[in-house]
Amino acid sequence: MRLRRIGIILIILLILSSIALGTEGNTGDKVYVVPIKGEINRATYYFVENTIEELEQKDARAIIFEIDTYGGLIDQARQIKDSIISTDVPTISFVDKNAQSAGVLITIASEKVVMAKNATIGSAETIPNTEKIMSMWRSILRDTAQHRNRNSDIIEAMADKDIVIEGIKEKGKLINLTSNEAVEYGIADLVANDYESILDHFNIKGSEIVKVEEGFQVKLAKAISSSTLSTLLLAIGFIGVVVEIFTPGFGIGGIVSIISFGLYFGGHILAGNSNWISLTLFVIGLILIVIEGMVPGFGLPGISGIIFIVVGIIMAMDNLRSAVLSLSIAIILTTIVSLIFVKLGYRSKIFDNVILNNELLKNKGYIPSDDMEHLLDEEGIALSDLRPAGFIEIGSYKYDALSDGGFIVRNDRIKVVKVEGSKIFVRRI
């Protein structure tokens, strides 16, 4: 009987615990704020996509995308737009400060658009602005605007300078709207500065607001994969190599170089822009360069090494144009630093295998042409037949000489009769 009571009590406790856990795990009354800030790149896309999938499983009541960006990569902006449109969770774009360039597409992808009082939206021109890219970009903006019942003409005019809208935009300028203008022209639904006002306006009352924070990995990947920091890391990495070459032993230059290149490739791998293949190619290139430095001359290992390094660096970045630009700037800065080291008189043993720098010294038997005048009228013997060129010996030194008066046989006695620069003319005695 006692055991029976204990069993009943345990069952009741288990039921109560399940109810408590179920209540705690219920997230259907929560609204999540997801930040989309900084440069739009692949790290941004992965963060937004993964967050949306996670919030769908949590049965979120709504998602507010807090936007503050000057733009970024078109492909990643389009992927973010697709993720926002495809979710069943109600979405609200809240432009906190700026929604420029690719940020325009992300903003109008949500069902509702809210602008902070001092926020702006517009200036969505692509770089480079070719006809092909612009046509594609305008079609994406137009399709998204029409899907969300936004003013597609104004949205397109944010990207194309050639579009003219009577009373709003003249040719040759891009549209950039303030918060009130965005509401007036049908781009935004509301001007507000806090989440409570936004939720009240759209009748999403009584919900708990939860801010989603970007993880350290996402923040690191976004920062490193940005074009500015990528260029800086490449430049520091190459300059570190130069410092290491011009200084004896392994020191601060090598350490800085390893850290910089490690962050560059690691950041792009974390951001999803690249994989381990790019890093492998880069390492192979470095190995080939080291091999080239160990052998005289400059040949296949050196050329192959440079190619592998360049290909590895370009493959690590998601955008070819940005990769070439970053690499070019890094090479220019590295060249400047190298010239400074050479100007200051620094030398490297690596260059000794590439550059001929042997010295011809008197104590090793070399007599410069300026000193040949002292041989005039000196006597010696022919070490070989002179027909007319051959070798002679005067004292204990050996010289190249020319016969000034016919054939001279080996071991004949000779006399220097004329000196012209490095040329010595002799006659048989």
Protein backbone atom coordinates (compact mmCIF):
# COMPACT_ATOMS: atom_id res chain seq x y z
CA MET A 1 0.00 0.00 0.00
CA ARG A 2 2.85 2.30 0.87
CA LEU A 3 4.63 1.56 -2.39
CA ARG A 4 1.43 2.32 -4.24
CA ARG A 5 1.20 5.78 -2.64
CA ILE A 6 4.80 6.52 -3.52
CA GLY A 7 4.13 5.52 -7.14
CA ILE A 8 1.09 7.81 -7.36
CA ILE A 9 3.08 10.70 -5.91
CA LEU A 10 5.90 10.15 -8.43
CA ILE A 11 3.42 10.09 -11.32
CA ILE A 12 1.84 13.35 -10.13
CA LEU A 13 5.28 14.99 -9.82
CA LEU A 14 6.22 13.80 -13.28
CA ILE A 15 3.01 15.26 -14.77
CA LEU A 16 3.55 18.59 -12.97
CA SER A 17 7.17 18.71 -14.19
CA SER A 18 6.07 18.08 -17.78
CA ILE A 19 3.50 20.85 -17.55
CA ALA A 20 6.10 23.22 -16.11
CA LEU A 21 8.62 22.37 -18.84
CA GLY A 22 5.97 22.71 -21.48
CA THR A 23 5.03 26.15 -20.19
CA GLU A 24 8.67 27.21 -20.02
CA GLY A 25 9.37 25.98 -23.52
CA ASN A 26 6.38 27.75 -25.06
CA THR A 27 7.85 30.54 -27.20
CA GLY A 28 4.75 31.29 -29.24
CA ASP A 29 4.22 34.61 -27.42
CA LYS A 30 7.74 35.89 -28.11
CA VAL A 31 8.87 38.37 -30.73
CA TYR A 32 12.53 38.09 -31.71
CA VAL A 33 14.74 40.98 -32.82
CA VAL A 34 17.39 39.84 -35.33
CA PRO A 35 20.18 42.34 -36.15
CA ILE A 36 21.30 42.81 -39.77
CA LYS A 37 24.13 45.27 -39.45
CA GLY A 38 27.39 46.10 -41.17
CA GLU A 39 28.51 44.77 -44.53
CA ILE A 40 26.19 42.23 -46.14
CA ASN A 41 28.25 39.13 -46.90
CA ARG A 42 27.96 35.37 -46.70
CA ALA A 43 28.42 35.37 -42.92
CA THR A 44 25.38 37.67 -42.67
CA TYR A 45 23.35 35.32 -44.85
CA TYR A 46 24.22 32.21 -42.84
CA PHE A 47 23.41 34.00 -39.59
CA VAL A 48 19.99 35.18 -40.83
CA GLU A 49 19.09 31.87 -42.46
CA ASN A 50 20.05 29.77 -39.43
CA THR A 51 18.27 32.17 -37.07
CA ILE A 52 15.05 32.06 -39.10
CA GLU A 53 15.11 28.24 -39.14
CA GLU A 54 15.66 28.17 -35.38
CA LEU A 55 12.84 30.65 -34.67
CA GLU A 56 10.46 28.71 -36.90
CA GLN A 57 11.00 25.69 -34.67
CA LYS A 58 10.36 27.84 -31.60
CA ASP A 59 7.04 28.98 -33.05
CA ALA A 60 7.98 32.66 -32.78
CA ARG A 61 5.07 35.10 -32.96
CA ALA A 62 7.02 37.53 -35.17
CA ILE A 63 10.55 38.47 -36.24
CA ILE A 64 11.81 42.06 -36.31
CA PHE A 65 14.89 42.50 -38.49
CA GLU A 66 16.78 45.49 -37.13
CA ILE A 67 18.63 46.89 -40.15
CA ASP A 68 21.60 49.25 -40.26
CA THR A 69 23.78 48.68 -43.31
CA TYR A 70 25.39 50.51 -46.19
CA GLY A 71 25.11 47.40 -48.35
CA GLY A 72 27.37 44.59 -49.47
CA LEU A 73 27.21 41.64 -51.84
CA ILE A 74 24.16 41.34 -54.11
CA ASP A 75 24.11 37.53 -54.13
CA GLN A 76 24.00 37.34 -50.34
CA ALA A 77 21.34 40.07 -50.13
CA ARG A 78 19.20 38.09 -52.58
CA GLN A 79 19.62 34.92 -50.50
CA ILE A 80 18.63 36.77 -47.33
CA LYS A 81 15.59 38.16 -49.16
CA ASP A 82 14.56 34.65 -50.19
CA SER A 83 14.91 33.37 -46.61
CA ILE A 84 12.73 36.20 -45.27
CA ILE A 85 10.04 35.80 -47.91
CA SER A 86 9.86 32.01 -47.57
CA THR A 87 9.30 31.93 -43.80
CA ASP A 88 5.78 31.55 -42.38
CA VAL A 89 6.65 33.67 -39.33
CA PRO A 90 5.37 37.28 -39.62
CA THR A 91 8.29 39.56 -40.47
CA ILE A 92 8.96 43.24 -39.83
CA SER A 93 11.93 45.24 -41.13
CA PHE A 94 12.95 48.00 -38.74
CA VAL A 95 15.45 50.43 -40.32
CA ASP A 96 17.26 51.73 -37.28
CA LYS A 97 19.65 54.08 -39.11
CA ASN A 98 20.42 53.22 -42.73
CA ALA A 99 19.25 50.80 -45.38
CA GLN A 100 21.47 51.52 -48.35
CA SER A 101 22.33 49.49 -51.45
CA ALA A 102 21.76 45.77 -50.74
CA GLY A 103 20.02 46.79 -47.51
CA VAL A 104 17.08 48.12 -49.57
CA LEU A 105 16.30 44.64 -50.91
CA ILE A 106 16.46 43.07 -47.44
CA THR A 107 14.23 45.79 -45.99
CA ILE A 108 11.39 45.42 -48.50
CA ALA A 109 11.51 41.61 -48.24
CA SER A 110 9.59 41.71 -44.94
CA GLU A 111 5.82 41.92 -44.75
CA LYS A 112 5.98 45.20 -42.81
CA VAL A 113 8.53 48.02 -42.95
CA VAL A 114 9.19 50.50 -40.11
CA MET A 115 11.57 53.45 -40.19
CA ALA A 116 13.17 55.10 -37.18
CA LYS A 117 12.66 58.88 -37.12
CA ASN A 118 16.14 59.77 -38.41
CA ALA A 119 16.63 56.71 -40.64
CA THR A 120 17.12 56.74 -44.42
CA ILE A 121 16.64 54.23 -47.21
CA GLY A 122 17.89 54.25 -50.82
CA SER A 123 21.04 54.71 -52.93
CA ALA A 124 21.00 51.12 -54.14
CA GLU A 125 23.21 51.45 -57.23
CA THR A 126 25.43 48.45 -57.96
CA ILE A 127 29.20 48.53 -58.26
CA PRO A 128 30.20 47.94 -61.03
CA ASN A 129 27.23 49.53 -62.74
CA THR A 130 27.17 47.55 -65.99
CA GLU A 131 24.00 47.21 -68.05
CA LYS A 132 23.82 43.46 -67.41
CA ILE A 133 24.21 43.72 -63.63
CA MET A 134 21.89 46.72 -63.36
CA SER A 135 19.17 44.99 -65.38
CA MET A 136 19.36 41.92 -63.15
CA TRP A 137 19.41 44.02 -59.95
CA ARG A 138 16.42 46.13 -61.02
CA SER A 139 14.38 43.01 -61.80
CA ILE A 140 15.09 41.59 -58.33
CA LEU A 141 14.11 44.84 -56.63
CA ARG A 142 10.98 45.21 -58.78
CA ASP A 143 9.85 41.63 -58.18
CA THR A 144 10.31 41.93 -54.41
CA ALA A 145 8.56 45.31 -54.24
CA GLN A 146 5.60 44.01 -56.22
CA HIS A 147 5.43 40.88 -54.08
CA ARG A 148 5.14 43.05 -50.93
CA ASN A 149 2.91 45.69 -52.57
CA ARG A 150 5.55 48.42 -52.38
CA ASN A 151 6.07 51.22 -54.88
CA SER A 152 8.28 49.37 -57.39
CA ASP A 153 9.00 52.50 -59.48
CA ILE A 154 10.57 54.31 -56.55
CA ILE A 155 12.44 51.19 -55.44
CA GLU A 156 13.96 50.82 -58.93
CA ALA A 157 14.81 54.53 -59.01
CA MET A 158 16.87 54.00 -55.86
CA ALA A 159 19.19 51.83 -58.00
CA ASP A 160 19.10 53.41 -61.46
CA LYS A 161 20.07 57.04 -62.09
CA ASP A 162 18.42 57.03 -65.52
CA ILE A 163 14.90 56.54 -64.16
CA VAL A 164 12.83 59.75 -64.00
CA ILE A 165 9.83 60.07 -61.66
CA GLU A 166 7.85 63.26 -62.09
CA GLY A 167 8.05 65.48 -59.01
CA ILE A 168 10.24 63.04 -57.11
CA LYS A 169 13.39 62.26 -59.08
CA GLU A 170 15.22 63.79 -62.00
CA LYS A 171 17.64 61.96 -64.29
CA GLY A 172 21.18 61.41 -63.07
CA LYS A 173 20.37 61.09 -59.36
CA LEU A 174 19.51 58.24 -57.01
CA ILE A 175 16.55 58.30 -54.64
CA ASN A 176 17.34 58.32 -50.94
CA LEU A 177 14.28 58.76 -48.68
CA THR A 178 13.86 59.96 -45.12
CA SER A 179 11.55 58.05 -42.80
CA ASN A 180 8.53 60.30 -43.44
CA GLU A 181 9.13 60.25 -47.21
CA ALA A 182 9.34 56.45 -47.13
CA VAL A 183 5.88 56.29 -45.54
CA GLU A 184 4.49 58.94 -47.91
CA TYR A 185 5.64 57.08 -51.03
CA GLY A 186 4.53 53.64 -49.90
CA ILE A 187 7.91 52.17 -49.07
CA ALA A 188 7.37 51.99 -45.30
CA ASP A 189 4.28 51.50 -43.12
CA LEU A 190 5.26 53.32 -39.95
CA VAL A 191 7.71 55.71 -38.31
CA ALA A 192 8.63 54.55 -34.80
CA ASN A 193 11.62 54.40 -32.51
CA ASP A 194 10.80 51.54 -30.12
CA TYR A 195 9.64 47.95 -30.37
CA GLU A 196 6.53 48.45 -28.21
CA SER A 197 5.14 51.06 -30.60
CA ILE A 198 5.82 48.76 -33.53
CA LEU A 199 4.04 45.80 -31.91
CA ASP A 200 1.08 47.96 -30.83
CA HIS A 201 0.66 49.35 -34.34
CA PHE A 202 0.57 45.89 -35.91
CA ASN A 203 -1.63 44.51 -33.11
CA ILE A 204 1.03 42.16 -31.72
CA LYS A 205 0.41 43.03 -28.09
CA GLY A 206 1.45 41.25 -24.93
CA SER A 207 4.50 39.61 -26.50
CA GLU A 208 7.88 39.29 -24.89
CA ILE A 209 10.66 40.93 -26.91
CA VAL A 210 13.83 38.81 -27.19
CA LYS A 211 16.97 40.16 -28.82
CA VAL A 212 19.03 37.64 -30.78
CA GLU A 213 22.76 38.24 -30.45
CA GLU A 214 25.30 37.34 -33.09
CA GLY A 215 27.73 34.75 -31.77
CA PHE A 216 31.46 35.43 -31.59
CA GLN A 217 32.07 33.18 -34.57
CA VAL A 218 29.58 35.13 -36.69
CA LYS A 219 30.96 38.51 -35.59
CA LEU A 220 34.53 37.38 -36.31
CA ALA A 221 33.57 35.93 -39.69
CA LYS A 222 31.65 39.08 -40.69
CA ALA A 223 34.49 41.34 -39.65
CA ILE A 224 37.28 39.39 -41.32
CA SER A 225 35.35 38.64 -44.50
CA SER A 226 34.69 42.35 -45.04
CA SER A 227 36.72 43.75 -47.94
CA THR A 228 38.46 46.37 -45.79
CA LEU A 229 39.77 44.02 -43.11
CA SER A 230 40.62 41.34 -45.70
CA THR A 231 42.84 43.82 -47.53
CA LEU A 232 44.48 44.90 -44.26
CA LEU A 233 45.18 41.30 -43.20
CA LEU A 234 46.69 40.46 -46.58
CA ALA A 235 48.92 43.53 -46.47
CA ILE A 236 50.09 42.79 -42.91
CA GLY A 237 50.70 39.15 -43.85
CA PHE A 238 52.87 40.00 -46.86
CA ILE A 239 54.72 42.77 -45.00
CA GLY A 240 55.43 40.27 -42.21
CA VAL A 241 57.01 37.96 -44.78
CA VAL A 242 59.18 40.84 -46.05
CA VAL A 243 60.29 41.71 -42.52
CA GLU A 244 61.14 38.06 -41.89
CA ILE A 245 63.19 37.86 -45.11
CA PHE A 246 65.24 40.94 -44.28
CA THR A 247 65.91 40.05 -40.64
CA PRO A 248 67.99 37.10 -39.38
CA GLY A 249 66.29 34.10 -37.77
CA PHE A 250 62.58 33.58 -37.13
CA GLY A 251 61.04 36.52 -35.30
CA ILE A 252 58.17 38.96 -35.05
CA GLY A 253 57.72 39.24 -38.84
CA GLY A 254 57.04 35.53 -39.24
CA ILE A 255 54.68 35.41 -36.25
CA VAL A 256 52.66 38.42 -37.47
CA SER A 257 52.51 36.93 -40.96
CA ILE A 258 51.21 33.57 -39.73
CA ILE A 259 48.56 35.24 -37.55
CA SER A 260 47.41 37.56 -40.36
CA PHE A 261 47.11 34.85 -42.99
CA GLY A 262 45.51 32.53 -40.44
CA LEU A 263 42.83 35.11 -39.64
CA TYR A 264 42.31 35.86 -43.33
CA PHE A 265 41.69 32.26 -44.37
CA GLY A 266 40.01 31.26 -41.09
CA GLY A 267 37.58 34.16 -41.27
CA HIS A 268 36.57 33.42 -44.84
CA ILE A 269 36.17 29.72 -44.07
CA LEU A 270 33.95 30.55 -41.08
CA ALA A 271 31.96 32.97 -43.22
CA GLY A 272 31.37 30.25 -45.78
CA ASN A 273 33.15 32.17 -48.56
CA SER A 274 35.78 29.49 -48.91
CA ASN A 275 36.90 26.03 -47.89
CA TRP A 276 40.14 24.31 -46.97
CA ILE A 277 41.17 24.01 -50.64
CA SER A 278 42.10 27.70 -50.83
CA LEU A 279 44.23 27.42 -47.69
CA THR A 280 45.89 24.24 -49.01
CA LEU A 281 46.80 25.96 -52.29
CA PHE A 282 48.24 28.91 -50.38
CA VAL A 283 50.39 26.67 -48.16
CA ILE A 284 51.65 24.73 -51.18
CA GLY A 285 52.59 28.05 -52.79
CA LEU A 286 54.57 29.11 -49.72
CA ILE A 287 56.42 25.77 -49.67
CA LEU A 288 57.37 26.18 -53.33
CA ILE A 289 58.62 29.71 -52.66
CA VAL A 290 60.79 28.42 -49.79
CA ILE A 291 62.20 25.71 -52.08
CA GLU A 292 62.95 28.36 -54.69
CA GLY A 293 64.85 30.37 -52.09
CA MET A 294 67.12 27.41 -51.36
CA VAL A 295 68.32 26.88 -54.94
CA PRO A 296 70.20 29.27 -57.24
CA GLY A 297 68.28 31.21 -59.87
CA PHE A 298 64.56 31.65 -60.29
CA GLY A 299 62.61 28.90 -62.04
CA LEU A 300 59.60 26.62 -61.97
CA PRO A 301 59.18 26.33 -58.14
CA GLY A 302 59.13 30.10 -57.74
CA ILE A 303 56.71 30.73 -60.60
CA SER A 304 54.43 27.88 -59.48
CA GLY A 305 54.56 29.12 -55.89
CA ILE A 306 53.44 32.62 -56.85
CA ILE A 307 50.56 31.20 -58.92
CA PHE A 308 49.40 28.91 -56.08
CA ILE A 309 49.51 31.77 -53.56
CA VAL A 310 47.52 34.15 -55.79
CA VAL A 311 44.91 31.50 -56.66
CA GLY A 312 44.55 30.50 -52.98
CA ILE A 313 44.01 34.10 -51.88
CA ILE A 314 41.46 34.83 -54.63
CA MET A 315 39.56 31.58 -53.96
CA ALA A 316 39.25 32.49 -50.28
CA MET A 317 37.09 35.52 -51.07
CA ASP A 318 33.56 35.20 -52.33
CA ASN A 319 33.81 38.04 -54.84
CA LEU A 320 36.45 37.99 -57.61
CA ARG A 321 36.52 41.77 -58.02
CA SER A 322 37.01 42.36 -54.29
CA ALA A 323 39.68 39.65 -54.16
CA VAL A 324 41.72 41.16 -57.02
CA LEU A 325 41.38 44.66 -55.56
CA SER A 326 42.44 43.54 -52.06
CA LEU A 327 45.37 41.54 -53.44
CA SER A 328 46.53 44.46 -55.61
CA ILE A 329 46.49 46.91 -52.70
CA ALA A 330 48.35 44.42 -50.49
CA ILE A 331 51.04 43.88 -53.16
CA ILE A 332 51.51 47.63 -53.62
CA LEU A 333 51.95 48.18 -49.88
CA THR A 334 54.34 45.22 -49.64
CA THR A 335 56.41 46.55 -52.54
CA ILE A 336 56.72 49.93 -50.84
CA VAL A 337 57.92 48.30 -47.60
CA SER A 338 60.42 46.15 -49.54
CA LEU A 339 61.86 49.22 -51.27
CA ILE A 340 62.22 50.94 -47.91
CA PHE A 341 64.20 47.97 -46.55
CA VAL A 342 66.47 47.98 -49.61
CA LYS A 343 66.92 51.75 -49.33
CA LEU A 344 67.97 51.34 -45.70
CA GLY A 345 70.61 48.83 -46.76
CA TYR A 346 69.07 45.62 -45.46
CA ARG A 347 70.19 42.46 -47.24
CA SER A 348 68.81 38.94 -47.29
CA LYS A 349 70.63 35.65 -47.86
CA ILE A 350 67.68 34.47 -49.94
CA PHE A 351 68.55 37.02 -52.61
CA ASP A 352 72.10 35.69 -52.81
CA ASN A 353 70.73 32.63 -54.60
CA VAL A 354 68.92 34.77 -57.15
CA ILE A 355 71.31 37.69 -57.68
CA LEU A 356 74.94 37.33 -58.81
CA ASN A 357 76.96 39.19 -56.20
CA ASN A 358 80.42 37.52 -56.32
CA GLU A 359 83.29 39.97 -55.84
CA LEU A 360 86.46 39.80 -57.94
CA LEU A 361 89.25 40.66 -55.52
CA LYS A 362 92.95 41.28 -56.05
CA ASN A 363 93.91 38.81 -53.31
CA LYS A 364 92.15 36.11 -55.35
CA GLY A 365 94.20 36.86 -58.50
CA TYR A 366 91.94 39.36 -60.23
CA ILE A 367 93.50 42.53 -61.56
CA PRO A 368 91.03 45.19 -62.71
CA SER A 369 91.45 46.82 -66.11
CA ASP A 370 92.40 50.15 -64.54
CA ASP A 371 95.58 48.53 -63.18
CA MET A 372 96.74 46.96 -66.49
CA GLU A 373 98.85 50.02 -67.40
CA HIS A 374 101.55 48.88 -64.99
CA LEU A 375 102.20 45.84 -67.24
CA LEU A 376 103.45 47.99 -70.10
CA ASP A 377 107.04 46.95 -71.11
CA GLU A 378 106.90 44.01 -68.66
CA GLU A 379 108.30 40.65 -69.81
CA GLY A 380 107.03 37.13 -69.31
CA ILE A 381 106.35 33.84 -71.06
CA ALA A 382 103.51 32.50 -73.23
CA LEU A 383 101.54 29.83 -71.35
CA SER A 384 99.78 28.82 -74.58
CA ASP A 385 100.02 29.46 -78.28
CA LEU A 386 98.77 32.95 -79.18
CA ARG A 387 96.79 32.80 -82.49
CA PRO A 388 96.45 35.69 -81.80
CA ALA A 389 94.73 35.21 -78.38
CA GLY A 390 96.07 33.09 -75.55
CA PHE A 391 97.43 33.11 -72.03
CA ILE A 392 100.63 34.67 -70.70
CA GLU A 393 102.35 34.74 -67.34
CA ILE A 394 104.09 37.79 -65.89
CA GLY A 395 105.53 37.28 -62.47
CA SER A 396 103.18 34.91 -60.71
CA TYR A 397 99.98 36.16 -62.42
CA LYS A 398 98.14 34.76 -65.40
CA TYR A 399 96.57 37.07 -68.02
CA ASP A 400 94.63 36.93 -71.28
CA ALA A 401 96.66 38.50 -74.06
CA LEU A 402 96.71 39.18 -77.79
CA SER A 403 99.67 38.84 -80.14
CA ASP A 404 100.66 42.15 -81.72
CA GLY A 405 103.03 40.69 -84.26
CA GLY A 406 102.15 37.27 -85.62
CA PHE A 407 101.99 33.78 -84.17
CA ILE A 408 103.60 33.20 -80.77
CA VAL A 409 104.50 29.65 -79.65
CA ARG A 410 103.99 28.38 -76.12
CA ASN A 411 106.94 29.02 -73.75
CA ASP A 412 108.26 31.85 -75.96
CA ARG A 413 109.49 34.89 -74.13
CA ILE A 414 107.12 37.85 -74.58
CA LYS A 415 106.97 41.58 -73.85
CA VAL A 416 103.92 43.79 -73.29
CA VAL A 417 104.00 46.47 -76.00
CA LYS A 418 100.54 48.00 -75.65
CA VAL A 419 97.60 48.12 -73.18
CA GLU A 420 94.09 49.19 -74.20
CA GLY A 421 91.69 48.97 -71.29
CA SER A 422 91.58 45.31 -70.36
CA LYS A 423 93.36 44.19 -73.54
CA ILE A 424 97.06 43.31 -73.30
CA PHE A 425 99.12 43.19 -76.53
CA VAL A 426 102.45 41.33 -76.55
CA ARG A 427 105.34 40.52 -78.92
CA ARG A 428 107.87 37.70 -78.99
CA ILE A 429 111.29 38.72 -77.71
